[in-house]
Amino acid sequence: MAKRPSKHLRPARPILDNFAAAQTKADGRWMVANMPAGKANKNYLCPNCQQTISVGMAHLVVWPVDPSIGSASAVSERRHWHTACWKLRR
């Protein structure tokens, strides 16, 4: 059975049918989209608290408005955050 390529080598999957809005934080501008519980079909690790965002838990998907130098796209830098963790972030 062939191994799947690393997620870092695959193109980023688009975020479908979620409305994203720009927000400004101390470190720049970010696009933020709600991930409803019904669409949350994987576990993720919140970059703030390092705790699991479980399958079926509503949360936020966040990515920079402008990609980092050397990044293929800003969407490839997206991360999944607990809603409360993102709200507490300055």
PDB file of N, CA and C in Angstrom:
ATOM      1  N   MET A   1       0.842  -1.171   0.000  1.00  0.00           N
ATOM      2  CA  MET A   1       0.000   0.000   0.000  1.00  0.00           C
ATOM      3  C   MET A   1       0.894   1.244   0.000  1.00  0.00           C
ATOM      4  N   ALA A   2       0.623   2.174  -0.892  1.00  0.00           N
ATOM      5  CA  ALA A   2       1.442   3.380  -0.999  1.00  0.00           C
ATOM      6  C   ALA A   2       1.110   4.352   0.120  1.00  0.00           C
ATOM      7  N   LYS A   3       2.147   4.985   0.633  1.00  0.00           N
ATOM      8  CA  LYS A   3       1.946   5.999   1.673  1.00  0.00           C
ATOM      9  C   LYS A   3       1.474   7.290   1.034  1.00  0.00           C
ATOM     10  N   ARG A   4       0.609   7.988   1.748  1.00  0.00           N
ATOM     11  CA  ARG A   4       0.189   9.309   1.288  1.00  0.00           C
ATOM     12  C   ARG A   4       1.350  10.271   1.473  1.00  0.00           C
ATOM     13  N   PRO A   5       1.482  11.248   0.564  1.00  0.00           N
ATOM     14  CA  PRO A   5       2.543  12.226   0.770  1.00  0.00           C
ATOM     15  C   PRO A   5       2.288  13.047   2.027  1.00  0.00           C
ATOM     16  N   SER A   6       3.332  13.579   2.581  1.00  0.00           N
ATOM     17  CA  SER A   6       3.217  14.423   3.767  1.00  0.00           C
ATOM     18  C   SER A   6       2.223  15.541   3.514  1.00  0.00           C
ATOM     19  N   LYS A   7       1.467  15.909   4.546  1.00  0.00           N
ATOM     20  CA  LYS A   7       0.509  17.000   4.382  1.00  0.00           C
ATOM     21  C   LYS A   7       1.213  18.299   4.038  1.00  0.00           C
ATOM     22  N   HIS A   8       2.480  18.393   4.366  1.00  0.00           N
ATOM     23  CA  HIS A   8       3.234  19.601   4.071  1.00  0.00           C
ATOM     24  C   HIS A   8       3.640  19.669   2.602  1.00  0.00           C
ATOM     25  N   LEU A   9       3.567  18.558   1.907  1.00  0.00           N
ATOM     26  CA  LEU A   9       3.915  18.526   0.491  1.00  0.00           C
ATOM     27  C   LEU A   9       2.679  18.568  -0.409  1.00  0.00           C
ATOM     28  N   ARG A  10       1.522  18.310   0.155  1.00  0.00           N
ATOM     29  CA  ARG A  10       0.278  18.345  -0.619  1.00  0.00           C
ATOM     30  C   ARG A  10      -0.237  19.775  -0.676  1.00  0.00           C
ATOM     31  N   PRO A  11      -0.967  20.133  -1.738  1.00  0.00           N
ATOM     32  CA  PRO A  11      -1.579  21.466  -1.773  1.00  0.00           C
ATOM     33  C   PRO A  11      -2.635  21.583  -0.682  1.00  0.00           C
ATOM     34  N   ALA A  12      -2.805  22.790  -0.168  1.00  0.00           N
ATOM     35  CA  ALA A  12      -3.802  23.016   0.882  1.00  0.00           C
ATOM     36  C   ALA A  12      -5.198  22.799   0.324  1.00  0.00           C
ATOM     37  N   ARG A  13      -6.034  22.127   1.116  1.00  0.00           N
ATOM     38  CA  ARG A  13      -7.432  21.952   0.721  1.00  0.00           C
ATOM     39  C   ARG A  13      -8.152  23.268   0.947  1.00  0.00           C
ATOM     40  N   PRO A  14      -9.026  23.660   0.023  1.00  0.00           N
ATOM     41  CA  PRO A  14      -9.757  24.906   0.240  1.00  0.00           C
ATOM     42  C   PRO A  14     -10.751  24.757   1.383  1.00  0.00           C
ATOM     43  N   ILE A  15     -11.042  25.857   2.019  1.00  0.00           N
ATOM     44  CA  ILE A  15     -12.071  25.868   3.051  1.00  0.00           C
ATOM     45  C   ILE A  15     -13.375  26.156   2.324  1.00  0.00           C
ATOM     46  N   LEU A  16     -14.228  25.176   2.251  1.00  0.00           N
ATOM     47  CA  LEU A  16     -15.445  25.294   1.463  1.00  0.00           C
ATOM     48  C   LEU A  16     -16.586  25.875   2.266  1.00  0.00           C
ATOM     49  N   ASP A  17     -17.389  26.623   1.613  1.00  0.00           N
ATOM     50  CA  ASP A  17     -18.646  27.185   2.111  1.00  0.00           C
ATOM     51  C   ASP A  17     -18.594  27.759   3.525  1.00  0.00           C
ATOM     52  N   ASN A  18     -17.464  28.287   3.926  1.00  0.00           N
ATOM     53  CA  ASN A  18     -17.356  28.995   5.198  1.00  0.00           C
ATOM     54  C   ASN A  18     -17.022  30.442   4.890  1.00  0.00           C
ATOM     55  N   PHE A  19     -17.741  31.353   5.491  1.00  0.00           N
ATOM     56  CA  PHE A  19     -17.453  32.765   5.324  1.00  0.00           C
ATOM     57  C   PHE A  19     -16.311  33.133   6.250  1.00  0.00           C
ATOM     58  N   ALA A  20     -15.293  33.785   5.712  1.00  0.00           N
ATOM     59  CA  ALA A  20     -14.149  34.216   6.518  1.00  0.00           C
ATOM     60  C   ALA A  20     -14.136  35.741   6.587  1.00  0.00           C
ATOM     61  N   ALA A  21     -13.761  36.257   7.727  1.00  0.00           N
ATOM     62  CA  ALA A  21     -13.659  37.696   7.929  1.00  0.00           C
ATOM     63  C   ALA A  21     -12.266  38.031   8.448  1.00  0.00           C
ATOM     64  N   ALA A  22     -11.753  39.187   8.055  1.00  0.00           N
ATOM     65  CA  ALA A  22     -10.428  39.619   8.506  1.00  0.00           C
ATOM     66  C   ALA A  22     -10.514  40.182   9.921  1.00  0.00           C
ATOM     67  N   GLN A  23      -9.509  39.847  10.722  1.00  0.00           N
ATOM     68  CA  GLN A  23      -9.368  40.397  12.069  1.00  0.00           C
ATOM     69  C   GLN A  23      -7.922  40.835  12.248  1.00  0.00           C
ATOM     70  N   THR A  24      -7.732  41.895  13.011  1.00  0.00           N
ATOM     71  CA  THR A  24      -6.390  42.389  13.283  1.00  0.00           C
ATOM     72  C   THR A  24      -5.994  42.028  14.709  1.00  0.00           C
ATOM     73  N   LYS A  25      -4.825  41.447  14.833  1.00  0.00           N
ATOM     74  CA  LYS A  25      -4.233  41.127  16.136  1.00  0.00           C
ATOM     75  C   LYS A  25      -2.881  41.841  16.202  1.00  0.00           C
ATOM     76  N   ALA A  26      -2.204  41.765  17.314  1.00  0.00           N
ATOM     77  CA  ALA A  26      -0.929  42.466  17.493  1.00  0.00           C
ATOM     78  C   ALA A  26       0.109  42.060  16.450  1.00  0.00           C
ATOM     79  N   ASP A  27       0.038  40.833  15.964  1.00  0.00           N
ATOM     80  CA  ASP A  27       1.038  40.347  15.012  1.00  0.00           C
ATOM     81  C   ASP A  27       0.576  40.379  13.559  1.00  0.00           C
ATOM     82  N   GLY A  28      -0.522  41.069  13.271  1.00  0.00           N
ATOM     83  CA  GLY A  28      -0.931  41.206  11.877  1.00  0.00           C
ATOM     84  C   GLY A  28      -2.408  40.960  11.643  1.00  0.00           C
ATOM     85  N   ARG A  29      -2.751  40.839  10.358  1.00  0.00           N
ATOM     86  CA  ARG A  29      -4.144  40.617   9.964  1.00  0.00           C
ATOM     87  C   ARG A  29      -4.345  39.142   9.642  1.00  0.00           C
ATOM     88  N   TRP A  30      -5.479  38.639  10.094  1.00  0.00           N
ATOM     89  CA  TRP A  30      -5.797  37.220   9.982  1.00  0.00           C
ATOM     90  C   TRP A  30      -7.187  37.037   9.395  1.00  0.00           C
ATOM     91  N   MET A  31      -7.343  36.007   8.605  1.00  0.00           N
ATOM     92  CA  MET A  31      -8.666  35.593   8.132  1.00  0.00           C
ATOM     93  C   MET A  31      -9.174  34.544   9.123  1.00  0.00           C
ATOM     94  N   VAL A  32     -10.435  34.683   9.516  1.00  0.00           N
ATOM     95  CA  VAL A  32     -11.005  33.803  10.529  1.00  0.00           C
ATOM     96  C   VAL A  32     -12.331  33.263  10.003  1.00  0.00           C
ATOM     97  N   ALA A  33     -12.472  31.944  10.023  1.00  0.00           N
ATOM     98  CA  ALA A  33     -13.704  31.288   9.571  1.00  0.00           C
ATOM     99  C   ALA A  33     -14.206  30.359  10.670  1.00  0.00           C
ATOM    100  N   ASN A  34     -15.506  30.321  10.826  1.00  0.00           N
ATOM    101  CA  ASN A  34     -16.120  29.383  11.775  1.00  0.00           C
ATOM    102  C   ASN A  34     -16.131  27.988  11.184  1.00  0.00           C
ATOM    103  N   MET A  35     -15.811  27.020  11.999  1.00  0.00           N
ATOM    104  CA  MET A  35     -15.936  25.615  11.616  1.00  0.00           C
ATOM    105  C   MET A  35     -17.057  25.050  12.479  1.00  0.00           C
ATOM    106  N   PRO A  36     -18.256  24.860  11.906  1.00  0.00           N
ATOM    107  CA  PRO A  36     -19.368  24.344  12.707  1.00  0.00           C
ATOM    108  C   PRO A  36     -19.111  22.905  13.150  1.00  0.00           C
ATOM    109  N   ALA A  37     -19.744  22.527  14.223  1.00  0.00           N
ATOM    110  CA  ALA A  37     -19.551  21.195  14.795  1.00  0.00           C
ATOM    111  C   ALA A  37     -19.801  20.085  13.775  1.00  0.00           C
ATOM    112  N   GLY A  38     -20.797  20.254  12.945  1.00  0.00           N
ATOM    113  CA  GLY A  38     -21.145  19.229  11.959  1.00  0.00           C
ATOM    114  C   GLY A  38     -20.093  19.027  10.882  1.00  0.00           C
ATOM    115  N   LYS A  39     -19.228  19.996  10.680  1.00  0.00           N
ATOM    116  CA  LYS A  39     -18.168  19.900   9.663  1.00  0.00           C
ATOM    117  C   LYS A  39     -16.814  19.558  10.282  1.00  0.00           C
ATOM    118  N   ALA A  40     -16.729  19.543  11.598  1.00  0.00           N
ATOM    119  CA  ALA A  40     -15.467  19.265  12.291  1.00  0.00           C
ATOM    120  C   ALA A  40     -15.287  17.746  12.380  1.00  0.00           C
ATOM    121  N   ASN A  41     -14.653  17.179  11.355  1.00  0.00           N
ATOM    122  CA  ASN A  41     -14.571  15.718  11.268  1.00  0.00           C
ATOM    123  C   ASN A  41     -13.171  15.162  11.533  1.00  0.00           C
ATOM    124  N   LYS A  42     -12.294  15.988  12.091  1.00  0.00           N
ATOM    125  CA  LYS A  42     -10.948  15.540  12.464  1.00  0.00           C
ATOM    126  C   LYS A  42     -10.585  16.156  13.808  1.00  0.00           C
ATOM    127  N   ASN A  43      -9.615  15.575  14.486  1.00  0.00           N
ATOM    128  CA  ASN A  43      -9.044  16.188  15.681  1.00  0.00           C
ATOM    129  C   ASN A  43      -7.943  17.159  15.249  1.00  0.00           C
ATOM    130  N   TYR A  44      -7.851  18.276  15.935  1.00  0.00           N
ATOM    131  CA  TYR A  44      -6.813  19.265  15.681  1.00  0.00           C
ATOM    132  C   TYR A  44      -6.179  19.647  17.009  1.00  0.00           C
ATOM    133  N   LEU A  45      -4.997  20.234  16.947  1.00  0.00           N
ATOM    134  CA  LEU A  45      -4.310  20.712  18.139  1.00  0.00           C
ATOM    135  C   LEU A  45      -4.333  22.236  18.108  1.00  0.00           C
ATOM    136  N   CYS A  46      -4.931  22.841  19.114  1.00  0.00           N
ATOM    137  CA  CYS A  46      -5.002  24.297  19.205  1.00  0.00           C
ATOM    138  C   CYS A  46      -3.591  24.844  19.443  1.00  0.00           C
ATOM    139  N   PRO A  47      -3.131  25.795  18.607  1.00  0.00           N
ATOM    140  CA  PRO A  47      -1.779  26.323  18.786  1.00  0.00           C
ATOM    141  C   PRO A  47      -1.615  27.177  20.043  1.00  0.00           C
ATOM    142  N   ASN A  48      -2.697  27.598  20.656  1.00  0.00           N
ATOM    143  CA  ASN A  48      -2.603  28.414  21.854  1.00  0.00           C
ATOM    144  C   ASN A  48      -2.439  27.558  23.108  1.00  0.00           C
ATOM    145  N   CYS A  49      -3.399  26.679  23.361  1.00  0.00           N
ATOM    146  CA  CYS A  49      -3.405  25.909  24.610  1.00  0.00           C
ATOM    147  C   CYS A  49      -2.798  24.514  24.467  1.00  0.00           C
ATOM    148  N   GLN A  50      -2.495  24.121  23.225  1.00  0.00           N
ATOM    149  CA  GLN A  50      -1.920  22.799  22.948  1.00  0.00           C
ATOM    150  C   GLN A  50      -2.846  21.655  23.359  1.00  0.00           C
ATOM    151  N   GLN A  51      -4.148  21.933  23.423  1.00  0.00           N
ATOM    152  CA  GLN A  51      -5.138  20.904  23.748  1.00  0.00           C
ATOM    153  C   GLN A  51      -5.871  20.505  22.467  1.00  0.00           C
ATOM    154  N   THR A  52      -6.434  19.320  22.466  1.00  0.00           N
ATOM    155  CA  THR A  52      -7.124  18.797  21.293  1.00  0.00           C
ATOM    156  C   THR A  52      -8.463  19.492  21.073  1.00  0.00           C
ATOM    157  N   ILE A  53      -8.717  19.809  19.821  1.00  0.00           N
ATOM    158  CA  ILE A  53     -10.050  20.218  19.376  1.00  0.00           C
ATOM    159  C   ILE A  53     -10.658  18.936  18.817  1.00  0.00           C
ATOM    160  N   SER A  54     -11.630  18.393  19.494  1.00  0.00           N
ATOM    161  CA  SER A  54     -12.163  17.073  19.164  1.00  0.00           C
ATOM    162  C   SER A  54     -13.100  17.098  17.972  1.00  0.00           C
ATOM    163  N   VAL A  55     -13.245  15.935  17.361  1.00  0.00           N
ATOM    164  CA  VAL A  55     -14.234  15.752  16.297  1.00  0.00           C
ATOM    165  C   VAL A  55     -15.592  16.204  16.829  1.00  0.00           C
ATOM    166  N   GLY A  56     -16.317  16.969  16.025  1.00  0.00           N
ATOM    167  CA  GLY A  56     -17.643  17.417  16.411  1.00  0.00           C
ATOM    168  C   GLY A  56     -17.665  18.667  17.274  1.00  0.00           C
ATOM    169  N   MET A  57     -16.499  19.285  17.513  1.00  0.00           N
ATOM    170  CA  MET A  57     -16.437  20.503  18.315  1.00  0.00           C
ATOM    171  C   MET A  57     -16.324  21.719  17.380  1.00  0.00           C
ATOM    172  N   ALA A  58     -17.253  22.645  17.519  1.00  0.00           N
ATOM    173  CA  ALA A  58     -17.175  23.879  16.744  1.00  0.00           C
ATOM    174  C   ALA A  58     -15.911  24.638  17.148  1.00  0.00           C
ATOM    175  N   HIS A  59     -15.251  25.265  16.168  1.00  0.00           N
ATOM    176  CA  HIS A  59     -14.025  26.002  16.438  1.00  0.00           C
ATOM    177  C   HIS A  59     -13.775  26.996  15.306  1.00  0.00           C
ATOM    178  N   LEU A  60     -12.609  27.624  15.300  1.00  0.00           N
ATOM    179  CA  LEU A  60     -12.253  28.593  14.270  1.00  0.00           C
ATOM    180  C   LEU A  60     -11.072  28.085  13.458  1.00  0.00           C
ATOM    181  N   VAL A  61     -11.075  28.430  12.170  1.00  0.00           N
ATOM    182  CA  VAL A  61      -9.936  28.172  11.300  1.00  0.00           C
ATOM    183  C   VAL A  61      -9.350  29.547  10.980  1.00  0.00           C
ATOM    184  N   VAL A  62      -8.043  29.699  11.208  1.00  0.00           N
ATOM    185  CA  VAL A  62      -7.391  30.999  11.110  1.00  0.00           C
ATOM    186  C   VAL A  62      -6.161  30.885  10.211  1.00  0.00           C
ATOM    187  N   TRP A  63      -5.978  31.876   9.322  1.00  0.00           N
ATOM    188  CA  TRP A  63      -4.788  31.926   8.493  1.00  0.00           C
ATOM    189  C   TRP A  63      -4.424  33.387   8.238  1.00  0.00           C
ATOM    190  N   PRO A  64      -3.148  33.680   7.961  1.00  0.00           N
ATOM    191  CA  PRO A  64      -2.735  35.064   7.760  1.00  0.00           C
ATOM    192  C   PRO A  64      -3.293  35.632   6.452  1.00  0.00           C
ATOM    193  N   VAL A  65      -3.581  36.930   6.450  1.00  0.00           N
ATOM    194  CA  VAL A  65      -4.024  37.587   5.221  1.00  0.00           C
ATOM    195  C   VAL A  65      -2.904  37.525   4.189  1.00  0.00           C
ATOM    196  N   ASP A  66      -1.686  37.787   4.625  1.00  0.00           N
ATOM    197  CA  ASP A  66      -0.517  37.747   3.740  1.00  0.00           C
ATOM    198  C   ASP A  66       0.332  36.543   4.100  1.00  0.00           C
ATOM    199  N   PRO A  67       0.703  35.723   3.101  1.00  0.00           N
ATOM    200  CA  PRO A  67       1.510  34.537   3.406  1.00  0.00           C
ATOM    201  C   PRO A  67       2.903  34.913   3.899  1.00  0.00           C
ATOM    202  N   SER A  68       3.477  34.046   4.686  1.00  0.00           N
ATOM    203  CA  SER A  68       4.851  34.221   5.151  1.00  0.00           C
ATOM    204  C   SER A  68       5.799  34.067   3.968  1.00  0.00           C
ATOM    205  N   ILE A  69       6.968  34.650   4.096  1.00  0.00           N
ATOM    206  CA  ILE A  69       7.980  34.504   3.045  1.00  0.00           C
ATOM    207  C   ILE A  69       8.309  33.024   2.893  1.00  0.00           C
ATOM    208  N   GLY A  70       8.299  32.559   1.661  1.00  0.00           N
ATOM    209  CA  GLY A  70       8.599  31.164   1.383  1.00  0.00           C
ATOM    210  C   GLY A  70       7.395  30.244   1.427  1.00  0.00           C
ATOM    211  N   SER A  71       6.241  30.762   1.829  1.00  0.00           N
ATOM    212  CA  SER A  71       5.031  29.944   1.896  1.00  0.00           C
ATOM    213  C   SER A  71       4.343  29.941   0.532  1.00  0.00           C
ATOM    214  N   ALA A  72       3.794  28.799   0.165  1.00  0.00           N
ATOM    215  CA  ALA A  72       3.089  28.698  -1.111  1.00  0.00           C
ATOM    216  C   ALA A  72       1.832  29.559  -1.126  1.00  0.00           C
ATOM    217  N   SER A  73       1.131  29.605  -0.008  1.00  0.00           N
ATOM    218  CA  SER A  73      -0.076  30.428   0.101  1.00  0.00           C
ATOM    219  C   SER A  73      -0.404  30.631   1.572  1.00  0.00           C
ATOM    220  N   ALA A  74      -1.169  31.674   1.831  1.00  0.00           N
ATOM    221  CA  ALA A  74      -1.581  31.942   3.212  1.00  0.00           C
ATOM    222  C   ALA A  74      -2.469  30.823   3.738  1.00  0.00           C
ATOM    223  N   VAL A  75      -3.300  30.241   2.873  1.00  0.00           N
ATOM    224  CA  VAL A  75      -4.213  29.177   3.306  1.00  0.00           C
ATOM    225  C   VAL A  75      -3.434  27.949   3.765  1.00  0.00           C
ATOM    226  N   SER A  76      -2.247  27.725   3.210  1.00  0.00           N
ATOM    227  CA  SER A  76      -1.451  26.571   3.649  1.00  0.00           C
ATOM    228  C   SER A  76      -0.940  26.755   5.079  1.00  0.00           C
ATOM    229  N   GLU A  77      -1.045  27.985   5.609  1.00  0.00           N
ATOM    230  CA  GLU A  77      -0.609  28.275   6.979  1.00  0.00           C
ATOM    231  C   GLU A  77      -1.767  28.256   7.968  1.00  0.00           C
ATOM    232  N   ARG A  78      -2.927  27.811   7.546  1.00  0.00           N
ATOM    233  CA  ARG A  78      -4.091  27.863   8.439  1.00  0.00           C
ATOM    234  C   ARG A  78      -3.917  26.934   9.632  1.00  0.00           C
ATOM    235  N   ARG A  79      -4.521  27.352  10.733  1.00  0.00           N
ATOM    236  CA  ARG A  79      -4.502  26.578  11.969  1.00  0.00           C
ATOM    237  C   ARG A  79      -5.894  26.586  12.563  1.00  0.00           C
ATOM    238  N   HIS A  80      -6.193  25.570  13.325  1.00  0.00           N
ATOM    239  CA  HIS A  80      -7.501  25.424  13.966  1.00  0.00           C
ATOM    240  C   HIS A  80      -7.366  25.829  15.427  1.00  0.00           C
ATOM    241  N   TRP A  81      -8.222  26.740  15.864  1.00  0.00           N
ATOM    242  CA  TRP A  81      -8.170  27.304  17.216  1.00  0.00           C
ATOM    243  C   TRP A  81      -9.471  27.055  17.948  1.00  0.00           C
ATOM    244  N   HIS A  82      -9.380  26.830  19.258  1.00  0.00           N
ATOM    245  CA  HIS A  82     -10.582  26.905  20.084  1.00  0.00           C
ATOM    246  C   HIS A  82     -11.090  28.342  19.965  1.00  0.00           C
ATOM    247  N   THR A  83     -12.373  28.521  19.890  1.00  0.00           N
ATOM    248  CA  THR A  83     -12.948  29.863  19.774  1.00  0.00           C
ATOM    249  C   THR A  83     -12.519  30.739  20.952  1.00  0.00           C
ATOM    250  N   ALA A  84     -12.559  30.203  22.163  1.00  0.00           N
ATOM    251  CA  ALA A  84     -12.173  30.971  23.345  1.00  0.00           C
ATOM    252  C   ALA A  84     -10.691  31.349  23.305  1.00  0.00           C
ATOM    253  N   CYS A  85      -9.842  30.455  22.846  1.00  0.00           N
ATOM    254  CA  CYS A  85      -8.407  30.749  22.774  1.00  0.00           C
ATOM    255  C   CYS A  85      -8.144  31.902  21.804  1.00  0.00           C
ATOM    256  N   TRP A  86      -8.827  31.891  20.653  1.00  0.00           N
ATOM    257  CA  TRP A  86      -8.631  32.973  19.684  1.00  0.00           C
ATOM    258  C   TRP A  86      -9.147  34.296  20.253  1.00  0.00           C
ATOM    259  N   LYS A  87     -10.271  34.275  20.944  1.00  0.00           N
ATOM    260  CA  LYS A  87     -10.822  35.505  21.506  1.00  0.00           C
ATOM    261  C   LYS A  87      -9.897  36.098  22.562  1.00  0.00           C
ATOM    262  N   LEU A  88      -9.184  35.271  23.298  1.00  0.00           N
ATOM    263  CA  LEU A  88      -8.271  35.751  24.339  1.00  0.00           C
ATOM    264  C   LEU A  88      -6.952  36.266  23.752  1.00  0.00           C
ATOM    265  N   ARG A  89      -6.654  35.892  22.531  1.00  0.00           N
ATOM    266  CA  ARG A  89      -5.393  36.278  21.897  1.00  0.00           C
ATOM    267  C   ARG A  89      -5.395  37.778  21.610  1.00  0.00           C
ATOM    268  N   ARG A  90      -4.299  38.411  21.845  1.00  0.00           N
ATOM    269  CA  ARG A  90      -4.203  39.872  21.632  1.00  0.00           C
ATOM    270  C   ARG A  90      -3.601  40.177  20.284  1.00  0.00           C
TER     271      ARG A  90
END
